[in-house]
Amino acid sequence: MIIYKDIISGDEMISDAFDMKEVDDIVYEVNCTMVTIKKGADVDIGANASAEEAADDLEEGSETVNNVCHSFRLQSTSFDKKTYLTHLKTYMKTVKAKLVEKGAPAEEVSCFEKGAQAFAKKIVANFKDYEFLIGESMDINGMVALLNYREDGSTPFITFWKHGMVEEKV
């Protein structure tokens, strides 16, 4: 399994265990689902759920969460358009510096710059559709992942900057 960590904060952002695809060689889109979790000890004792009565509503102490956000402890944050663009500009400069520092080929750095600018325009055009997520450390200088919904309006997906993460095999 590969864990993808934020190149700046070191926060774990996603793993290849989730349904992810690369888009425009600049971001990863990860499909999510909403799951119900039970607070406290949720131990699977192997009982046959079909033989038991299914609860219609959430049990007391249960909540419905996004599986990716819950698994990687991604925290919700908010931005207005101007503040987000300021953050994004600084973030892109930092990622570019990290790419150069690790010895990435010039064409990869150039591809990142061009692709990031084009994708940023898509974000700005649909700014109101996004929710913003940061890693567990809540490092505001790190990656801000983008939560959105597919055309059906109910299927969530999260967008992560490809060049803003490092892979770690576990």
N, C-alpha and C. Protein backbone atom coordinates (compact mmCIF):
# COMPACT_ATOMS: atom_id res chain seq x y z
N MET A 1 0.85 -1.17 0.00
CA MET A 1 0.00 0.00 0.00
C MET A 1 0.90 1.24 0.00
N ILE A 2 0.43 2.29 -0.64
CA ILE A 2 1.16 3.55 -0.70
C ILE A 2 0.35 4.60 0.06
N ILE A 3 1.02 5.29 0.99
CA ILE A 3 0.43 6.40 1.71
C ILE A 3 0.98 7.67 1.06
N TYR A 4 0.10 8.61 0.76
CA TYR A 4 0.51 9.89 0.19
C TYR A 4 0.50 10.93 1.30
N LYS A 5 1.67 11.55 1.51
CA LYS A 5 1.83 12.54 2.57
C LYS A 5 2.03 13.92 1.98
N ASP A 6 1.52 14.92 2.68
CA ASP A 6 1.70 16.31 2.29
C ASP A 6 3.19 16.62 2.32
N ILE A 7 3.71 17.15 1.23
CA ILE A 7 5.14 17.44 1.09
C ILE A 7 5.61 18.53 2.07
N ILE A 8 4.68 19.34 2.56
CA ILE A 8 5.03 20.44 3.46
C ILE A 8 4.84 20.05 4.93
N SER A 9 3.65 19.59 5.27
CA SER A 9 3.35 19.31 6.68
C SER A 9 3.70 17.89 7.11
N GLY A 10 3.80 16.97 6.15
CA GLY A 10 4.05 15.57 6.48
C GLY A 10 2.78 14.82 6.87
N ASP A 11 1.63 15.49 6.83
CA ASP A 11 0.36 14.83 7.17
C ASP A 11 0.02 13.77 6.14
N GLU A 12 -0.52 12.64 6.62
CA GLU A 12 -1.03 11.63 5.70
C GLU A 12 -2.33 12.16 5.12
N MET A 13 -2.43 12.15 3.80
CA MET A 13 -3.60 12.74 3.14
C MET A 13 -4.51 11.68 2.52
N ILE A 14 -3.92 10.61 1.96
CA ILE A 14 -4.71 9.59 1.25
C ILE A 14 -3.83 8.36 1.05
N SER A 15 -4.44 7.26 0.67
CA SER A 15 -3.67 6.07 0.31
C SER A 15 -4.26 5.48 -0.97
N ASP A 16 -3.48 4.61 -1.59
CA ASP A 16 -3.95 3.99 -2.83
C ASP A 16 -4.99 2.91 -2.56
N ALA A 17 -5.35 2.71 -1.30
CA ALA A 17 -6.43 1.77 -0.96
C ALA A 17 -7.79 2.34 -1.35
N PHE A 18 -7.84 3.64 -1.59
CA PHE A 18 -9.08 4.29 -2.00
C PHE A 18 -9.13 4.41 -3.51
N ASP A 19 -10.33 4.57 -4.04
CA ASP A 19 -10.55 4.70 -5.48
C ASP A 19 -10.08 6.08 -5.93
N MET A 20 -8.88 6.12 -6.53
CA MET A 20 -8.33 7.42 -6.94
C MET A 20 -7.91 7.37 -8.39
N LYS A 21 -7.99 8.53 -9.04
CA LYS A 21 -7.54 8.63 -10.43
C LYS A 21 -6.80 9.95 -10.61
N GLU A 22 -5.86 9.94 -11.53
CA GLU A 22 -5.09 11.14 -11.83
C GLU A 22 -5.84 11.95 -12.88
N VAL A 23 -5.91 13.27 -12.68
CA VAL A 23 -6.61 14.16 -13.60
C VAL A 23 -5.63 15.22 -14.10
N ASP A 24 -5.51 15.33 -15.40
CA ASP A 24 -4.69 16.36 -16.05
C ASP A 24 -3.23 16.35 -15.58
N ASP A 25 -2.74 15.21 -15.07
CA ASP A 25 -1.36 15.08 -14.59
C ASP A 25 -1.02 16.12 -13.53
N ILE A 26 -2.04 16.62 -12.80
CA ILE A 26 -1.79 17.67 -11.82
C ILE A 26 -2.46 17.37 -10.47
N VAL A 27 -3.59 16.66 -10.48
CA VAL A 27 -4.29 16.34 -9.23
C VAL A 27 -4.72 14.87 -9.22
N TYR A 28 -5.01 14.40 -8.02
CA TYR A 28 -5.67 13.11 -7.84
C TYR A 28 -7.08 13.40 -7.36
N GLU A 29 -8.04 12.70 -7.94
CA GLU A 29 -9.41 12.75 -7.46
C GLU A 29 -9.69 11.43 -6.77
N VAL A 30 -10.19 11.51 -5.56
CA VAL A 30 -10.45 10.32 -4.76
C VAL A 30 -11.94 10.26 -4.46
N ASN A 31 -12.57 9.19 -4.90
CA ASN A 31 -14.00 9.02 -4.62
C ASN A 31 -14.18 8.65 -3.16
N CYS A 32 -15.23 9.19 -2.57
CA CYS A 32 -15.51 8.99 -1.15
C CYS A 32 -16.91 8.40 -1.00
N THR A 33 -17.17 7.93 0.19
CA THR A 33 -18.52 7.51 0.55
C THR A 33 -18.81 8.02 1.95
N MET A 34 -20.06 8.14 2.24
CA MET A 34 -20.48 8.52 3.58
C MET A 34 -20.74 7.23 4.35
N VAL A 35 -20.11 7.11 5.51
CA VAL A 35 -20.24 5.91 6.33
C VAL A 35 -20.72 6.29 7.72
N THR A 36 -21.38 5.34 8.38
CA THR A 36 -21.84 5.56 9.74
C THR A 36 -20.85 4.89 10.68
N ILE A 37 -20.38 5.66 11.63
CA ILE A 37 -19.46 5.11 12.62
C ILE A 37 -20.09 5.23 13.99
N LYS A 38 -19.71 4.31 14.84
CA LYS A 38 -20.23 4.30 16.20
C LYS A 38 -19.12 4.82 17.10
N LYS A 39 -19.44 5.79 17.91
CA LYS A 39 -18.45 6.35 18.83
C LYS A 39 -18.06 5.29 19.84
N GLY A 40 -16.79 5.31 20.23
CA GLY A 40 -16.32 4.35 21.24
C GLY A 40 -15.92 3.05 20.60
N ALA A 41 -16.08 1.99 21.31
CA ALA A 41 -15.65 0.68 20.83
C ALA A 41 -16.63 0.13 19.83
N ASP A 42 -16.20 -0.02 18.60
CA ASP A 42 -17.02 -0.61 17.54
C ASP A 42 -16.34 -1.90 17.14
N VAL A 43 -16.61 -2.94 17.87
CA VAL A 43 -15.92 -4.21 17.68
C VAL A 43 -16.81 -5.15 16.88
N ASP A 44 -16.24 -5.73 15.84
CA ASP A 44 -16.97 -6.70 15.03
C ASP A 44 -16.80 -8.06 15.68
N ILE A 45 -17.90 -8.60 16.22
CA ILE A 45 -17.81 -9.90 16.88
C ILE A 45 -18.27 -11.02 15.98
N GLY A 46 -18.49 -10.69 14.72
CA GLY A 46 -18.85 -11.71 13.75
C GLY A 46 -20.32 -12.08 13.76
N ALA A 47 -21.17 -11.30 14.37
CA ALA A 47 -22.61 -11.59 14.40
C ALA A 47 -23.20 -11.44 13.01
N ASN A 48 -24.24 -12.15 12.75
CA ASN A 48 -24.90 -12.10 11.46
C ASN A 48 -25.87 -10.93 11.46
N ALA A 49 -25.50 -9.87 10.79
CA ALA A 49 -26.32 -8.65 10.79
C ALA A 49 -27.69 -8.90 10.18
N SER A 50 -27.79 -9.80 9.20
CA SER A 50 -29.08 -10.04 8.56
C SER A 50 -30.05 -10.75 9.50
N ALA A 51 -29.54 -11.41 10.52
CA ALA A 51 -30.40 -12.10 11.47
C ALA A 51 -30.84 -11.19 12.61
N GLU A 52 -30.27 -10.01 12.65
CA GLU A 52 -30.60 -9.06 13.70
C GLU A 52 -31.50 -7.97 13.12
N GLU A 53 -32.20 -7.28 14.01
CA GLU A 53 -33.04 -6.18 13.55
C GLU A 53 -32.15 -5.02 13.14
N ALA A 54 -32.39 -4.48 11.98
CA ALA A 54 -31.61 -3.34 11.51
C ALA A 54 -32.23 -2.07 12.07
N ALA A 55 -31.39 -1.18 12.54
CA ALA A 55 -31.89 0.09 13.08
C ALA A 55 -32.24 1.01 11.92
N ASP A 56 -33.39 1.66 12.01
CA ASP A 56 -33.80 2.57 10.95
C ASP A 56 -33.04 3.89 11.03
N ASP A 57 -32.84 4.38 12.21
CA ASP A 57 -32.15 5.64 12.41
C ASP A 57 -30.77 5.37 12.95
N LEU A 58 -29.98 6.43 13.02
CA LEU A 58 -28.66 6.29 13.62
C LEU A 58 -28.81 5.95 15.09
N GLU A 59 -27.98 5.03 15.53
CA GLU A 59 -27.98 4.71 16.95
C GLU A 59 -27.42 5.91 17.70
N GLU A 60 -27.80 5.99 18.96
CA GLU A 60 -27.28 7.06 19.79
C GLU A 60 -25.76 6.91 19.85
N GLY A 61 -25.04 8.00 19.64
CA GLY A 61 -23.58 7.95 19.65
C GLY A 61 -22.98 7.61 18.30
N SER A 62 -23.80 7.48 17.26
CA SER A 62 -23.31 7.22 15.92
C SER A 62 -23.35 8.50 15.11
N GLU A 63 -22.49 8.56 14.10
CA GLU A 63 -22.53 9.72 13.21
C GLU A 63 -22.14 9.28 11.81
N THR A 64 -22.60 10.03 10.83
CA THR A 64 -22.27 9.75 9.43
C THR A 64 -21.14 10.68 9.04
N VAL A 65 -20.06 10.07 8.49
CA VAL A 65 -18.87 10.84 8.14
C VAL A 65 -18.38 10.43 6.74
N ASN A 66 -17.56 11.29 6.18
CA ASN A 66 -16.89 11.00 4.91
C ASN A 66 -15.76 10.02 5.23
N ASN A 67 -15.71 8.88 4.53
CA ASN A 67 -14.73 7.86 4.86
C ASN A 67 -13.28 8.32 4.72
N VAL A 68 -12.97 9.14 3.73
CA VAL A 68 -11.59 9.61 3.55
C VAL A 68 -11.23 10.63 4.65
N CYS A 69 -12.12 11.57 4.89
CA CYS A 69 -11.87 12.57 5.94
C CYS A 69 -11.67 11.89 7.29
N HIS A 70 -12.50 10.91 7.57
CA HIS A 70 -12.42 10.20 8.85
C HIS A 70 -11.12 9.38 8.93
N SER A 71 -10.79 8.66 7.88
CA SER A 71 -9.61 7.79 7.89
C SER A 71 -8.30 8.57 8.04
N PHE A 72 -8.22 9.74 7.42
CA PHE A 72 -6.98 10.51 7.44
C PHE A 72 -7.08 11.75 8.32
N ARG A 73 -8.15 11.84 9.10
CA ARG A 73 -8.33 12.93 10.05
C ARG A 73 -8.20 14.30 9.39
N LEU A 74 -8.78 14.43 8.21
CA LEU A 74 -8.76 15.71 7.52
C LEU A 74 -9.75 16.64 8.21
N GLN A 75 -9.33 17.88 8.39
CA GLN A 75 -10.12 18.86 9.13
C GLN A 75 -10.71 19.89 8.18
N SER A 76 -11.95 20.23 8.42
CA SER A 76 -12.62 21.23 7.61
C SER A 76 -12.10 22.63 7.98
N THR A 77 -11.94 23.46 6.97
CA THR A 77 -11.56 24.85 7.19
C THR A 77 -12.34 25.70 6.19
N SER A 78 -12.22 27.00 6.26
CA SER A 78 -12.97 27.83 5.31
C SER A 78 -12.07 28.93 4.75
N PHE A 79 -12.40 29.34 3.57
CA PHE A 79 -11.70 30.41 2.87
C PHE A 79 -12.71 31.25 2.12
N ASP A 80 -12.39 32.53 1.97
CA ASP A 80 -13.08 33.30 0.95
C ASP A 80 -12.17 33.24 -0.27
N LYS A 81 -12.67 33.68 -1.39
CA LYS A 81 -11.92 33.51 -2.64
C LYS A 81 -10.55 34.19 -2.59
N LYS A 82 -10.50 35.41 -2.09
CA LYS A 82 -9.25 36.16 -2.05
C LYS A 82 -8.21 35.48 -1.15
N THR A 83 -8.63 35.04 0.02
CA THR A 83 -7.72 34.39 0.96
C THR A 83 -7.22 33.06 0.39
N TYR A 84 -8.13 32.30 -0.26
CA TYR A 84 -7.71 31.04 -0.85
C TYR A 84 -6.69 31.26 -1.96
N LEU A 85 -6.91 32.25 -2.81
CA LEU A 85 -5.97 32.52 -3.90
C LEU A 85 -4.60 32.94 -3.35
N THR A 86 -4.59 33.70 -2.28
CA THR A 86 -3.33 34.08 -1.63
C THR A 86 -2.62 32.83 -1.10
N HIS A 87 -3.39 31.96 -0.43
CA HIS A 87 -2.82 30.71 0.08
C HIS A 87 -2.28 29.87 -1.08
N LEU A 88 -3.07 29.73 -2.13
CA LEU A 88 -2.69 28.88 -3.25
C LEU A 88 -1.40 29.37 -3.92
N LYS A 89 -1.26 30.66 -4.07
CA LYS A 89 -0.06 31.22 -4.68
C LYS A 89 1.18 30.87 -3.84
N THR A 90 1.08 31.07 -2.53
CA THR A 90 2.19 30.74 -1.63
C THR A 90 2.46 29.24 -1.64
N TYR A 91 1.40 28.44 -1.61
CA TYR A 91 1.53 26.99 -1.61
C TYR A 91 2.24 26.51 -2.87
N MET A 92 1.85 27.03 -4.02
CA MET A 92 2.46 26.61 -5.29
C MET A 92 3.95 26.96 -5.34
N LYS A 93 4.32 28.12 -4.82
CA LYS A 93 5.74 28.50 -4.77
C LYS A 93 6.52 27.53 -3.89
N THR A 94 5.92 27.14 -2.76
CA THR A 94 6.58 26.22 -1.84
C THR A 94 6.73 24.84 -2.47
N VAL A 95 5.69 24.36 -3.13
CA VAL A 95 5.75 23.05 -3.79
C VAL A 95 6.80 23.07 -4.89
N LYS A 96 6.84 24.15 -5.68
CA LYS A 96 7.85 24.27 -6.74
C LYS A 96 9.25 24.20 -6.13
N ALA A 97 9.48 24.92 -5.03
CA ALA A 97 10.79 24.90 -4.37
C ALA A 97 11.13 23.50 -3.88
N LYS A 98 10.13 22.77 -3.36
CA LYS A 98 10.36 21.39 -2.89
C LYS A 98 10.70 20.47 -4.06
N LEU A 99 10.04 20.67 -5.20
CA LEU A 99 10.34 19.86 -6.38
C LEU A 99 11.77 20.10 -6.85
N VAL A 100 12.18 21.37 -6.90
CA VAL A 100 13.54 21.71 -7.31
C VAL A 100 14.54 21.14 -6.31
N GLU A 101 14.22 21.27 -5.03
CA GLU A 101 15.09 20.78 -3.95
C GLU A 101 15.33 19.28 -4.04
N LYS A 102 14.30 18.52 -4.41
CA LYS A 102 14.46 17.06 -4.49
C LYS A 102 15.03 16.62 -5.85
N GLY A 103 15.32 17.58 -6.70
CA GLY A 103 15.97 17.27 -7.98
C GLY A 103 15.04 16.82 -9.08
N ALA A 104 13.81 17.28 -9.05
CA ALA A 104 12.85 16.94 -10.10
C ALA A 104 13.32 17.52 -11.43
N PRO A 105 13.11 16.79 -12.53
CA PRO A 105 13.50 17.31 -13.85
C PRO A 105 12.78 18.63 -14.17
N ALA A 106 13.43 19.48 -14.93
CA ALA A 106 12.88 20.79 -15.28
C ALA A 106 11.52 20.67 -15.97
N GLU A 107 11.33 19.64 -16.80
CA GLU A 107 10.05 19.48 -17.50
C GLU A 107 8.93 19.12 -16.52
N GLU A 108 9.25 18.41 -15.43
CA GLU A 108 8.23 18.10 -14.42
C GLU A 108 7.81 19.38 -13.69
N VAL A 109 8.78 20.22 -13.35
CA VAL A 109 8.50 21.48 -12.66
C VAL A 109 7.66 22.38 -13.58
N SER A 110 8.03 22.45 -14.85
CA SER A 110 7.30 23.26 -15.82
C SER A 110 5.87 22.73 -15.99
N CYS A 111 5.73 21.42 -16.07
CA CYS A 111 4.41 20.78 -16.20
C CYS A 111 3.55 21.12 -14.98
N PHE A 112 4.16 21.07 -13.80
CA PHE A 112 3.45 21.41 -12.57
C PHE A 112 2.96 22.86 -12.61
N GLU A 113 3.84 23.78 -12.98
CA GLU A 113 3.46 25.21 -13.00
C GLU A 113 2.29 25.46 -13.95
N LYS A 114 2.40 24.94 -15.17
CA LYS A 114 1.35 25.17 -16.17
C LYS A 114 0.04 24.49 -15.76
N GLY A 115 0.15 23.25 -15.33
CA GLY A 115 -1.03 22.50 -14.93
C GLY A 115 -1.72 23.10 -13.71
N ALA A 116 -0.94 23.56 -12.74
CA ALA A 116 -1.50 24.15 -11.53
C ALA A 116 -2.25 25.44 -11.86
N GLN A 117 -1.69 26.25 -12.75
CA GLN A 117 -2.37 27.49 -13.14
C GLN A 117 -3.70 27.19 -13.81
N ALA A 118 -3.70 26.22 -14.71
CA ALA A 118 -4.93 25.87 -15.42
C ALA A 118 -5.97 25.30 -14.45
N PHE A 119 -5.52 24.45 -13.53
CA PHE A 119 -6.47 23.86 -12.59
C PHE A 119 -6.99 24.90 -11.60
N ALA A 120 -6.13 25.84 -11.22
CA ALA A 120 -6.55 26.91 -10.31
C ALA A 120 -7.68 27.73 -10.94
N LYS A 121 -7.65 27.92 -12.25
CA LYS A 121 -8.72 28.65 -12.94
C LYS A 121 -10.04 27.89 -12.82
N LYS A 122 -9.99 26.54 -12.90
CA LYS A 122 -11.19 25.73 -12.73
C LYS A 122 -11.75 25.88 -11.31
N ILE A 123 -10.85 25.92 -10.34
CA ILE A 123 -11.27 26.07 -8.94
C ILE A 123 -11.97 27.41 -8.76
N VAL A 124 -11.35 28.47 -9.25
CA VAL A 124 -11.91 29.81 -9.09
C VAL A 124 -13.28 29.91 -9.77
N ALA A 125 -13.41 29.29 -10.93
CA ALA A 125 -14.67 29.34 -11.67
C ALA A 125 -15.81 28.66 -10.90
N ASN A 126 -15.47 27.67 -10.08
CA ASN A 126 -16.49 26.92 -9.33
C ASN A 126 -16.25 27.03 -7.83
N PHE A 127 -15.71 28.12 -7.38
CA PHE A 127 -15.27 28.29 -5.99
C PHE A 127 -16.36 27.94 -4.97
N LYS A 128 -17.58 28.35 -5.23
CA LYS A 128 -18.67 28.14 -4.27
C LYS A 128 -19.02 26.67 -4.09
N ASP A 129 -18.58 25.81 -5.01
CA ASP A 129 -18.90 24.38 -4.93
C ASP A 129 -17.98 23.61 -4.00
N TYR A 130 -16.87 24.20 -3.59
CA TYR A 130 -15.86 23.47 -2.83
C TYR A 130 -15.95 23.66 -1.33
N GLU A 131 -15.59 22.60 -0.63
CA GLU A 131 -15.33 22.66 0.80
C GLU A 131 -13.83 22.42 0.94
N PHE A 132 -13.21 22.99 1.96
CA PHE A 132 -11.76 22.95 2.09
C PHE A 132 -11.35 22.10 3.28
N LEU A 133 -10.33 21.26 3.05
CA LEU A 133 -9.85 20.34 4.08
C LEU A 133 -8.35 20.48 4.25
N ILE A 134 -7.89 20.44 5.49
CA ILE A 134 -6.45 20.45 5.76
C ILE A 134 -6.11 19.21 6.58
N GLY A 135 -4.83 18.91 6.63
CA GLY A 135 -4.36 17.72 7.31
C GLY A 135 -4.50 17.78 8.82
N GLU A 136 -4.19 16.66 9.44
CA GLU A 136 -4.37 16.49 10.88
C GLU A 136 -3.61 17.52 11.71
N SER A 137 -2.43 17.93 11.26
CA SER A 137 -1.63 18.89 12.03
C SER A 137 -2.22 20.30 11.97
N MET A 138 -3.15 20.50 11.04
CA MET A 138 -3.80 21.79 10.82
C MET A 138 -2.79 22.87 10.43
N ASP A 139 -1.74 22.46 9.73
CA ASP A 139 -0.72 23.38 9.23
C ASP A 139 -1.31 24.13 8.04
N ILE A 140 -1.58 25.40 8.23
CA ILE A 140 -2.23 26.21 7.21
C ILE A 140 -1.33 26.43 5.99
N ASN A 141 -0.03 26.18 6.14
CA ASN A 141 0.89 26.31 5.01
C ASN A 141 0.89 25.07 4.13
N GLY A 142 0.32 23.98 4.64
CA GLY A 142 0.29 22.72 3.89
C GLY A 142 -0.82 22.70 2.85
N MET A 143 -1.05 21.50 2.34
CA MET A 143 -2.04 21.31 1.29
C MET A 143 -3.45 21.56 1.81
N VAL A 144 -4.24 22.21 0.98
CA VAL A 144 -5.67 22.34 1.22
C VAL A 144 -6.35 21.49 0.16
N ALA A 145 -6.92 20.37 0.61
CA ALA A 145 -7.63 19.48 -0.31
C ALA A 145 -9.03 20.05 -0.55
N LEU A 146 -9.60 19.70 -1.69
CA LEU A 146 -10.88 20.26 -2.11
C LEU A 146 -11.96 19.18 -2.17
N LEU A 147 -13.00 19.34 -1.39
CA LEU A 147 -14.12 18.41 -1.39
C LEU A 147 -15.22 18.99 -2.27
N ASN A 148 -15.73 18.15 -3.16
CA ASN A 148 -16.81 18.56 -4.06
C ASN A 148 -17.72 17.35 -4.26
N TYR A 149 -18.77 17.52 -5.04
CA TYR A 149 -19.71 16.44 -5.31
C TYR A 149 -19.86 16.25 -6.81
N ARG A 150 -20.03 15.01 -7.22
CA ARG A 150 -20.22 14.69 -8.64
C ARG A 150 -21.54 15.30 -9.14
N GLU A 151 -21.80 15.15 -10.41
CA GLU A 151 -22.97 15.73 -11.04
C GLU A 151 -24.28 15.29 -10.40
N ASP A 152 -24.29 14.10 -9.79
CA ASP A 152 -25.52 13.61 -9.16
C ASP A 152 -25.84 14.38 -7.86
N GLY A 153 -24.88 15.17 -7.38
CA GLY A 153 -25.11 15.99 -6.21
C GLY A 153 -24.98 15.28 -4.88
N SER A 154 -24.74 13.96 -4.90
CA SER A 154 -24.65 13.23 -3.63
C SER A 154 -23.38 12.39 -3.49
N THR A 155 -22.59 12.26 -4.55
CA THR A 155 -21.37 11.46 -4.49
C THR A 155 -20.17 12.37 -4.26
N PRO A 156 -19.57 12.31 -3.06
CA PRO A 156 -18.44 13.19 -2.76
C PRO A 156 -17.13 12.70 -3.38
N PHE A 157 -16.26 13.64 -3.69
CA PHE A 157 -14.89 13.31 -4.09
C PHE A 157 -13.97 14.42 -3.58
N ILE A 158 -12.71 14.04 -3.34
CA ILE A 158 -11.74 15.01 -2.84
C ILE A 158 -10.61 15.11 -3.84
N THR A 159 -10.17 16.34 -4.08
CA THR A 159 -9.07 16.61 -5.01
C THR A 159 -7.82 16.96 -4.21
N PHE A 160 -6.72 16.27 -4.53
CA PHE A 160 -5.42 16.49 -3.90
C PHE A 160 -4.42 16.90 -4.97
N TRP A 161 -3.54 17.84 -4.65
CA TRP A 161 -2.49 18.26 -5.58
C TRP A 161 -1.43 17.16 -5.67
N LYS A 162 -1.28 16.58 -6.84
CA LYS A 162 -0.36 15.46 -7.05
C LYS A 162 1.07 15.80 -6.65
N HIS A 163 1.58 16.92 -7.08
CA HIS A 163 2.97 17.29 -6.82
C HIS A 163 3.18 17.75 -5.39
N GLY A 164 2.12 17.95 -4.65
CA GLY A 164 2.20 18.38 -3.27
C GLY A 164 2.26 17.23 -2.28
N MET A 165 2.44 16.02 -2.81
CA MET A 165 2.50 14.85 -1.94
C MET A 165 3.70 13.99 -2.27
N VAL A 166 4.18 13.29 -1.25
CA VAL A 166 5.24 12.30 -1.44
C VAL A 166 4.66 10.94 -1.12
N GLU A 167 5.14 9.93 -1.83
CA GLU A 167 4.65 8.58 -1.64
C GLU A 167 5.51 7.87 -0.60
N GLU A 168 4.84 7.09 0.24
CA GLU A 168 5.55 6.26 1.21
C GLU A 168 4.95 4.87 1.16
N LYS A 169 5.76 3.89 0.80
CA LYS A 169 5.28 2.51 0.73
C LYS A 169 5.30 1.92 2.14
N VAL A 170 4.17 1.29 2.49
CA VAL A 170 4.07 0.64 3.80
C VAL A 170 3.66 -0.80 3.65
